[in-house]
Amino acid sequence: MLRVEHVSHSFRNAQGSVPVLQDINLTIGKGKMVALLGSSGSGKSTLLNLMAGLMKPDQGRILINDQDIVRFSENRLAEFRRSHIGFIFQSYELLSNLTIRENVELPLVFMGVRPSKRKVKALQLLEQVGLGEKVNLFPSQLSGGQQQRVSIARSLITEPSVIFADEPTGNLDTETEEEIIAILQKLNREMNTTFVIVTHEAEVAEQMQVVLTLHKGVLVEETAREA
């Protein structure tokens, strides 16, 4: 479902080029829950951004559903991301002036889906993440964990092929972190959606089916386990 082939990437600064990723190769099957594990500076967030089409690598191929997104034009890439890729952010990225239902609907607004259809889908997803009774509240009226549930529901509304999450539990306490991971696992089972989750926490990674460990820009270990 997702393949990374010989991907390398560097950042440029005044002193020259700084290697961030070196010859990364990996394959992620449909419906898997995958952790990208590594310390700060290991390259895991850069790899996530490349796989999500937010950046282009210096070299290599990135294929989602057998389509090489590196070769896409900016317009084609933006269109592909809208329909095939979902995002969950550490800081939730909710719009404060919209209700949580309206926040969840937003990706479908940009896709031109009619209001009645997007409302039904948003309500269904909010029910699935345990917020069915709070659909008319605003983000400021929710806890951090509840806001992250809204972000999860929003990421699913376009029925994407893969959802990328960058430290989705980084702002949460341990109990709430466990609740969010449990919700992601439940949705993974029910919807067979692929999740790729960046984390520096071994406790989070241990709950994933596949753990990809990065160290100084190199993929040093791949571990498969039962979640």
C-alpha atoms as a PDB file:
ATOM      1  CA  MET A   1       0.000   0.000   0.000  1.00  0.00           C
ATOM      2  CA  LEU A   2       2.869   2.366   0.833  1.00  0.00           C
ATOM      3  CA  ARG A   3       6.451   1.883  -0.345  1.00  0.00           C
ATOM      4  CA  VAL A   4       9.540   4.013   0.189  1.00  0.00           C
ATOM      5  CA  GLU A   5      12.394   3.181  -2.171  1.00  0.00           C
ATOM      6  CA  HIS A   6      15.941   4.514  -1.749  1.00  0.00           C
ATOM      7  CA  VAL A   7      14.791   7.822  -0.268  1.00  0.00           C
ATOM      8  CA  SER A   8      17.446  10.287   0.893  1.00  0.00           C
ATOM      9  CA  HIS A   9      16.981  13.866   1.974  1.00  0.00           C
ATOM     10  CA  SER A  10      19.076  16.791   3.210  1.00  0.00           C
ATOM     11  CA  PHE A  11      18.389  20.236   4.574  1.00  0.00           C
ATOM     12  CA  ARG A  12      20.359  23.256   3.412  1.00  0.00           C
ATOM     13  CA  ASN A  13      21.802  25.942   5.639  1.00  0.00           C
ATOM     14  CA  ALA A  14      24.459  28.633   5.367  1.00  0.00           C
ATOM     15  CA  GLN A  15      27.191  26.045   5.869  1.00  0.00           C
ATOM     16  CA  GLY A  16      25.924  23.738   3.146  1.00  0.00           C
ATOM     17  CA  SER A  17      23.922  20.491   3.065  1.00  0.00           C
ATOM     18  CA  VAL A  18      22.998  18.507   6.197  1.00  0.00           C
ATOM     19  CA  PRO A  19      21.922  14.864   5.577  1.00  0.00           C
ATOM     20  CA  VAL A  20      18.682  13.967   7.363  1.00  0.00           C
ATOM     21  CA  LEU A  21      17.660  10.654   5.780  1.00  0.00           C
ATOM     22  CA  GLN A  22      19.929   8.134   4.084  1.00  0.00           C
ATOM     23  CA  ASP A  23      18.695   5.478   1.624  1.00  0.00           C
ATOM     24  CA  ILE A  24      15.420   4.611   3.367  1.00  0.00           C
ATOM     25  CA  ASN A  25      13.574   1.528   2.099  1.00  0.00           C
ATOM     26  CA  LEU A  26      10.360   0.224   3.635  1.00  0.00           C
ATOM     27  CA  THR A  27       6.966  -1.256   2.808  1.00  0.00           C
ATOM     28  CA  ILE A  28       3.767  -0.743   4.809  1.00  0.00           C
ATOM     29  CA  GLY A  29       0.820  -3.027   4.131  1.00  0.00           C
ATOM     30  CA  LYS A  30      -2.806  -1.973   4.058  1.00  0.00           C
ATOM     31  CA  GLY A  31      -4.523  -1.842   7.429  1.00  0.00           C
ATOM     32  CA  LYS A  32      -1.337  -1.871   9.492  1.00  0.00           C
ATOM     33  CA  MET A  33      -0.605   0.250  12.548  1.00  0.00           C
ATOM     34  CA  VAL A  34       2.987   1.425  12.228  1.00  0.00           C
ATOM     35  CA  ALA A  35       5.184   3.409  14.598  1.00  0.00           C
ATOM     36  CA  LEU A  36       8.117   5.519  13.430  1.00  0.00           C
ATOM     37  CA  LEU A  37      10.282   5.466  16.538  1.00  0.00           C
ATOM     38  CA  GLY A  38      13.352   7.556  17.200  1.00  0.00           C
ATOM     39  CA  SER A  39      14.889  10.241  19.336  1.00  0.00           C
ATOM     40  CA  SER A  40      14.808  13.925  18.464  1.00  0.00           C
ATOM     41  CA  GLY A  41      16.820  14.514  15.303  1.00  0.00           C
ATOM     42  CA  SER A  42      16.547  10.927  14.057  1.00  0.00           C
ATOM     43  CA  GLY A  43      14.631  12.002  10.933  1.00  0.00           C
ATOM     44  CA  LYS A  44      11.268  10.446  11.787  1.00  0.00           C
ATOM     45  CA  SER A  45       9.186  13.621  11.298  1.00  0.00           C
ATOM     46  CA  THR A  46      11.002  14.366   8.032  1.00  0.00           C
ATOM     47  CA  LEU A  47      10.209  10.862   6.793  1.00  0.00           C
ATOM     48  CA  LEU A  48       6.561  11.302   7.805  1.00  0.00           C
ATOM     49  CA  ASN A  49       6.360  14.604   5.908  1.00  0.00           C
ATOM     50  CA  LEU A  50       7.902  13.017   2.821  1.00  0.00           C
ATOM     51  CA  MET A  51       5.516  10.052   2.877  1.00  0.00           C
ATOM     52  CA  ALA A  52       2.588  12.430   3.366  1.00  0.00           C
ATOM     53  CA  GLY A  53       3.584  14.479   0.337  1.00  0.00           C
ATOM     54  CA  LEU A  54       4.303  17.625   2.340  1.00  0.00           C
ATOM     55  CA  MET A  55       7.910  17.616   1.096  1.00  0.00           C
ATOM     56  CA  LYS A  56       9.772  16.006  -1.797  1.00  0.00           C
ATOM     57  CA  PRO A  57      12.924  13.949  -1.240  1.00  0.00           C
ATOM     58  CA  ASP A  58      16.251  14.701  -2.860  1.00  0.00           C
ATOM     59  CA  GLN A  59      16.144  11.237  -4.376  1.00  0.00           C
ATOM     60  CA  GLY A  60      14.058   8.077  -4.309  1.00  0.00           C
ATOM     61  CA  ARG A  61      10.441   7.083  -4.835  1.00  0.00           C
ATOM     62  CA  ILE A  62       7.410   7.128  -2.531  1.00  0.00           C
ATOM     63  CA  LEU A  63       4.460   5.069  -3.732  1.00  0.00           C
ATOM     64  CA  ILE A  64       0.959   5.088  -2.273  1.00  0.00           C
ATOM     65  CA  ASN A  65      -1.412   2.629  -3.950  1.00  0.00           C
ATOM     66  CA  ASP A  66       1.283   2.152  -6.627  1.00  0.00           C
ATOM     67  CA  GLN A  67       1.343   5.860  -7.494  1.00  0.00           C
ATOM     68  CA  ASP A  68       4.690   7.642  -7.176  1.00  0.00           C
ATOM     69  CA  ILE A  69       3.758  10.867  -5.417  1.00  0.00           C
ATOM     70  CA  VAL A  70       7.268  12.284  -5.888  1.00  0.00           C
ATOM     71  CA  ARG A  71       6.516  12.704  -9.594  1.00  0.00           C
ATOM     72  CA  PHE A  72       3.235  14.551  -9.060  1.00  0.00           C
ATOM     73  CA  SER A  73       2.851  18.237  -9.846  1.00  0.00           C
ATOM     74  CA  GLU A  74       1.962  20.465  -6.881  1.00  0.00           C
ATOM     75  CA  ASN A  75      -1.684  20.619  -7.988  1.00  0.00           C
ATOM     76  CA  ARG A  76      -1.927  16.867  -8.495  1.00  0.00           C
ATOM     77  CA  LEU A  77      -0.225  16.267  -5.163  1.00  0.00           C
ATOM     78  CA  ALA A  78      -2.644  18.577  -3.330  1.00  0.00           C
ATOM     79  CA  GLU A  79      -5.592  16.772  -4.915  1.00  0.00           C
ATOM     80  CA  PHE A  80      -4.128  13.379  -4.002  1.00  0.00           C
ATOM     81  CA  ARG A  81      -3.557  14.400  -0.375  1.00  0.00           C
ATOM     82  CA  ARG A  82      -7.162  15.608  -0.024  1.00  0.00           C
ATOM     83  CA  SER A  83      -8.620  12.288  -1.117  1.00  0.00           C
ATOM     84  CA  HIS A  84      -6.038   9.691  -0.015  1.00  0.00           C
ATOM     85  CA  ILE A  85      -4.213  11.046   3.049  1.00  0.00           C
ATOM     86  CA  GLY A  86      -5.376  12.032   6.532  1.00  0.00           C
ATOM     87  CA  PHE A  87      -3.435  13.894   9.230  1.00  0.00           C
ATOM     88  CA  ILE A  88      -3.497  13.916  13.018  1.00  0.00           C
ATOM     89  CA  PHE A  89      -1.443  16.687  14.623  1.00  0.00           C
ATOM     90  CA  GLN A  90       0.081  16.918  18.091  1.00  0.00           C
ATOM     91  CA  SER A  91      -1.495  20.359  18.599  1.00  0.00           C
ATOM     92  CA  TYR A  92      -4.933  19.300  17.214  1.00  0.00           C
ATOM     93  CA  GLU A  93      -5.129  22.191  14.671  1.00  0.00           C
ATOM     94  CA  LEU A  94      -8.841  22.814  15.235  1.00  0.00           C
ATOM     95  CA  LEU A  95     -10.535  26.080  14.234  1.00  0.00           C
ATOM     96  CA  SER A  96     -11.788  27.797  17.370  1.00  0.00           C
ATOM     97  CA  ASN A  97     -14.716  29.561  15.658  1.00  0.00           C
ATOM     98  CA  LEU A  98     -16.244  26.302  14.379  1.00  0.00           C
ATOM     99  CA  THR A  99     -18.112  23.653  16.344  1.00  0.00           C
ATOM    100  CA  ILE A 100     -16.430  20.284  16.535  1.00  0.00           C
ATOM    101  CA  ARG A 101     -18.895  18.918  13.963  1.00  0.00           C
ATOM    102  CA  GLU A 102     -17.976  21.738  11.598  1.00  0.00           C
ATOM    103  CA  ASN A 103     -14.276  21.069  12.207  1.00  0.00           C
ATOM    104  CA  VAL A 104     -14.717  17.422  11.282  1.00  0.00           C
ATOM    105  CA  GLU A 105     -16.681  18.357   8.152  1.00  0.00           C
ATOM    106  CA  LEU A 106     -14.054  20.806   6.902  1.00  0.00           C
ATOM    107  CA  PRO A 107     -12.112  18.470   4.543  1.00  0.00           C
ATOM    108  CA  LEU A 108     -15.376  17.619   2.781  1.00  0.00           C
ATOM    109  CA  VAL A 109     -16.188  21.323   2.423  1.00  0.00           C
ATOM    110  CA  PHE A 110     -12.984  21.748   0.418  1.00  0.00           C
ATOM    111  CA  MET A 111     -13.957  18.739  -1.700  1.00  0.00           C
ATOM    112  CA  GLY A 112     -17.359  20.217  -2.523  1.00  0.00           C
ATOM    113  CA  VAL A 113     -19.452  17.570  -0.748  1.00  0.00           C
ATOM    114  CA  ARG A 114     -23.011  18.708  -0.132  1.00  0.00           C
ATOM    115  CA  PRO A 115     -23.835  19.853   3.444  1.00  0.00           C
ATOM    116  CA  SER A 116     -26.335  17.107   4.289  1.00  0.00           C
ATOM    117  CA  LYS A 117     -23.924  14.310   3.364  1.00  0.00           C
ATOM    118  CA  ARG A 118     -20.920  15.760   5.190  1.00  0.00           C
ATOM    119  CA  LYS A 119     -23.003  16.399   8.311  1.00  0.00           C
ATOM    120  CA  VAL A 120     -24.112  12.766   8.463  1.00  0.00           C
ATOM    121  CA  LYS A 121     -20.527  11.508   8.063  1.00  0.00           C
ATOM    122  CA  ALA A 122     -19.219  13.910  10.708  1.00  0.00           C
ATOM    123  CA  LEU A 123     -21.868  12.838  13.211  1.00  0.00           C
ATOM    124  CA  GLN A 124     -21.096   9.158  12.592  1.00  0.00           C
ATOM    125  CA  LEU A 125     -17.376   9.660  13.169  1.00  0.00           C
ATOM    126  CA  LEU A 126     -17.860  11.775  16.281  1.00  0.00           C
ATOM    127  CA  GLU A 127     -20.052   9.007  17.655  1.00  0.00           C
ATOM    128  CA  GLN A 128     -17.291   6.480  16.916  1.00  0.00           C
ATOM    129  CA  VAL A 129     -14.719   8.488  18.889  1.00  0.00           C
ATOM    130  CA  GLY A 130     -17.074   8.955  21.834  1.00  0.00           C
ATOM    131  CA  LEU A 131     -18.154  12.560  21.270  1.00  0.00           C
ATOM    132  CA  GLY A 132     -21.671  12.003  19.970  1.00  0.00           C
ATOM    133  CA  GLU A 133     -23.195  14.198  22.688  1.00  0.00           C
ATOM    134  CA  LYS A 134     -20.788  17.102  22.190  1.00  0.00           C
ATOM    135  CA  VAL A 135     -21.132  17.788  18.471  1.00  0.00           C
ATOM    136  CA  ASN A 136     -22.276  21.414  18.904  1.00  0.00           C
ATOM    137  CA  LEU A 137     -19.547  22.416  21.352  1.00  0.00           C
ATOM    138  CA  PHE A 138     -16.491  24.463  20.375  1.00  0.00           C
ATOM    139  CA  PRO A 139     -12.887  23.253  20.805  1.00  0.00           C
ATOM    140  CA  SER A 140     -12.302  25.526  23.814  1.00  0.00           C
ATOM    141  CA  GLN A 141     -15.061  23.670  25.664  1.00  0.00           C
ATOM    142  CA  LEU A 142     -13.228  20.338  25.378  1.00  0.00           C
ATOM    143  CA  SER A 143     -10.257  18.779  27.139  1.00  0.00           C
ATOM    144  CA  GLY A 144      -7.028  18.082  25.249  1.00  0.00           C
ATOM    145  CA  GLY A 145      -7.897  14.436  24.837  1.00  0.00           C
ATOM    146  CA  GLN A 146     -11.345  15.294  23.502  1.00  0.00           C
ATOM    147  CA  GLN A 147      -9.855  17.756  21.033  1.00  0.00           C
ATOM    148  CA  GLN A 148      -7.531  15.041  19.782  1.00  0.00           C
ATOM    149  CA  ARG A 149     -10.552  12.784  19.269  1.00  0.00           C
ATOM    150  CA  VAL A 150     -12.022  15.511  17.055  1.00  0.00           C
ATOM    151  CA  SER A 151      -8.770  15.623  15.114  1.00  0.00           C
ATOM    152  CA  ILE A 152      -8.921  11.840  14.667  1.00  0.00           C
ATOM    153  CA  ALA A 153     -12.520  12.009  13.397  1.00  0.00           C
ATOM    154  CA  ARG A 154     -11.560  14.780  10.951  1.00  0.00           C
ATOM    155  CA  SER A 155      -8.646  12.722   9.616  1.00  0.00           C
ATOM    156  CA  LEU A 156     -11.012   9.862   8.748  1.00  0.00           C
ATOM    157  CA  ILE A 157     -13.817  11.764   7.065  1.00  0.00           C
ATOM    158  CA  THR A 158     -12.417  11.526   3.526  1.00  0.00           C
ATOM    159  CA  GLU A 159     -11.922   7.747   3.963  1.00  0.00           C
ATOM    160  CA  PRO A 160      -8.179   8.066   3.251  1.00  0.00           C
ATOM    161  CA  SER A 161      -5.832   5.251   2.290  1.00  0.00           C
ATOM    162  CA  VAL A 162      -3.424   6.165   5.072  1.00  0.00           C
ATOM    163  CA  ILE A 163      -3.420   8.444   8.114  1.00  0.00           C
ATOM    164  CA  PHE A 164      -0.204  10.054   9.299  1.00  0.00           C
ATOM    165  CA  ALA A 165       0.027  11.150  12.933  1.00  0.00           C
ATOM    166  CA  ASP A 166       2.901  13.257  14.257  1.00  0.00           C
ATOM    167  CA  GLU A 167       3.289  12.673  18.029  1.00  0.00           C
ATOM    168  CA  PRO A 168      -0.525  12.491  18.478  1.00  0.00           C
ATOM    169  CA  THR A 169      -0.232  11.878  22.224  1.00  0.00           C
ATOM    170  CA  GLY A 170       2.646  14.281  22.856  1.00  0.00           C
ATOM    171  CA  ASN A 171       0.488  16.860  24.661  1.00  0.00           C
ATOM    172  CA  LEU A 172      -1.503  14.375  26.722  1.00  0.00           C
ATOM    173  CA  ASP A 173      -1.128  12.796  30.144  1.00  0.00           C
ATOM    174  CA  THR A 174      -0.534   9.058  30.428  1.00  0.00           C
ATOM    175  CA  GLU A 175      -4.171   8.080  31.030  1.00  0.00           C
ATOM    176  CA  THR A 176      -5.435  10.168  28.123  1.00  0.00           C
ATOM    177  CA  GLU A 177      -2.621   8.866  25.910  1.00  0.00           C
ATOM    178  CA  GLU A 178      -3.810   5.322  26.567  1.00  0.00           C
ATOM    179  CA  GLU A 179      -7.383   6.297  25.674  1.00  0.00           C
ATOM    180  CA  ILE A 180      -6.282   7.852  22.370  1.00  0.00           C
ATOM    181  CA  ILE A 181      -4.169   4.840  21.392  1.00  0.00           C
ATOM    182  CA  ALA A 182      -7.111   2.559  22.220  1.00  0.00           C
ATOM    183  CA  ILE A 183      -9.373   4.637  19.949  1.00  0.00           C
ATOM    184  CA  LEU A 184      -6.849   4.451  17.097  1.00  0.00           C
ATOM    185  CA  GLN A 185      -6.612   0.676  17.502  1.00  0.00           C
ATOM    186  CA  LYS A 186     -10.395   0.357  17.520  1.00  0.00           C
ATOM    187  CA  LEU A 187     -10.741   2.434  14.349  1.00  0.00           C
ATOM    188  CA  ASN A 188      -7.952   0.477  12.705  1.00  0.00           C
ATOM    189  CA  ARG A 189      -9.822  -2.771  13.353  1.00  0.00           C
ATOM    190  CA  GLU A 190     -13.221  -1.439  12.323  1.00  0.00           C
ATOM    191  CA  MET A 191     -12.169   0.513   9.221  1.00  0.00           C
ATOM    192  CA  ASN A 192      -8.999  -1.325   8.134  1.00  0.00           C
ATOM    193  CA  THR A 193      -7.302   2.059   7.800  1.00  0.00           C
ATOM    194  CA  THR A 194      -3.503   2.272   7.769  1.00  0.00           C
ATOM    195  CA  PHE A 195      -1.959   4.426  10.504  1.00  0.00           C
ATOM    196  CA  VAL A 196       1.648   5.660  10.531  1.00  0.00           C
ATOM    197  CA  ILE A 197       2.442   7.240  13.885  1.00  0.00           C
ATOM    198  CA  VAL A 198       5.585   9.207  14.745  1.00  0.00           C
ATOM    199  CA  THR A 199       6.610   8.842  18.385  1.00  0.00           C
ATOM    200  CA  HIS A 200       9.655   9.012  20.618  1.00  0.00           C
ATOM    201  CA  GLU A 201       7.886   6.963  23.292  1.00  0.00           C
ATOM    202  CA  ALA A 202       8.673   3.246  23.402  1.00  0.00           C
ATOM    203  CA  GLU A 203       5.420   2.646  25.343  1.00  0.00           C
ATOM    204  CA  VAL A 204       3.396   3.940  22.380  1.00  0.00           C
ATOM    205  CA  ALA A 205       5.463   2.065  19.802  1.00  0.00           C
ATOM    206  CA  GLU A 206       5.029  -1.220  21.681  1.00  0.00           C
ATOM    207  CA  GLN A 207       1.292  -1.084  20.989  1.00  0.00           C
ATOM    208  CA  MET A 208       1.734  -0.913  17.206  1.00  0.00           C
ATOM    209  CA  GLN A 209       1.872  -3.876  14.811  1.00  0.00           C
ATOM    210  CA  VAL A 210       5.079  -2.696  13.128  1.00  0.00           C
ATOM    211  CA  VAL A 211       7.856  -0.566  14.632  1.00  0.00           C
ATOM    212  CA  LEU A 212      10.339   1.192  12.349  1.00  0.00           C
ATOM    213  CA  THR A 213      13.280   2.581  14.309  1.00  0.00           C
ATOM    214  CA  LEU A 214      15.322   5.472  12.933  1.00  0.00           C
ATOM    215  CA  HIS A 215      18.719   6.594  14.193  1.00  0.00           C
ATOM    216  CA  LYS A 216      20.584   9.540  12.689  1.00  0.00           C
ATOM    217  CA  GLY A 217      18.648   9.300   9.440  1.00  0.00           C
ATOM    218  CA  VAL A 218      19.075   5.554   8.974  1.00  0.00           C
ATOM    219  CA  LEU A 219      16.389   2.886   9.315  1.00  0.00           C
ATOM    220  CA  VAL A 220      18.171   0.619  11.790  1.00  0.00           C
ATOM    221  CA  GLU A 221      15.438  -1.816  12.782  1.00  0.00           C
ATOM    222  CA  GLU A 222      12.035  -3.096  11.672  1.00  0.00           C
ATOM    223  CA  THR A 223      10.040  -5.118  14.167  1.00  0.00           C
ATOM    224  CA  ALA A 224       6.681  -6.781  13.510  1.00  0.00           C
ATOM    225  CA  ARG A 225       4.484  -7.774  16.400  1.00  0.00           C
ATOM    226  CA  GLU A 226       0.885  -8.329  17.357  1.00  0.00           C
ATOM    227  CA  ALA A 227      -0.728  -5.066  18.536  1.00  0.00           C
END
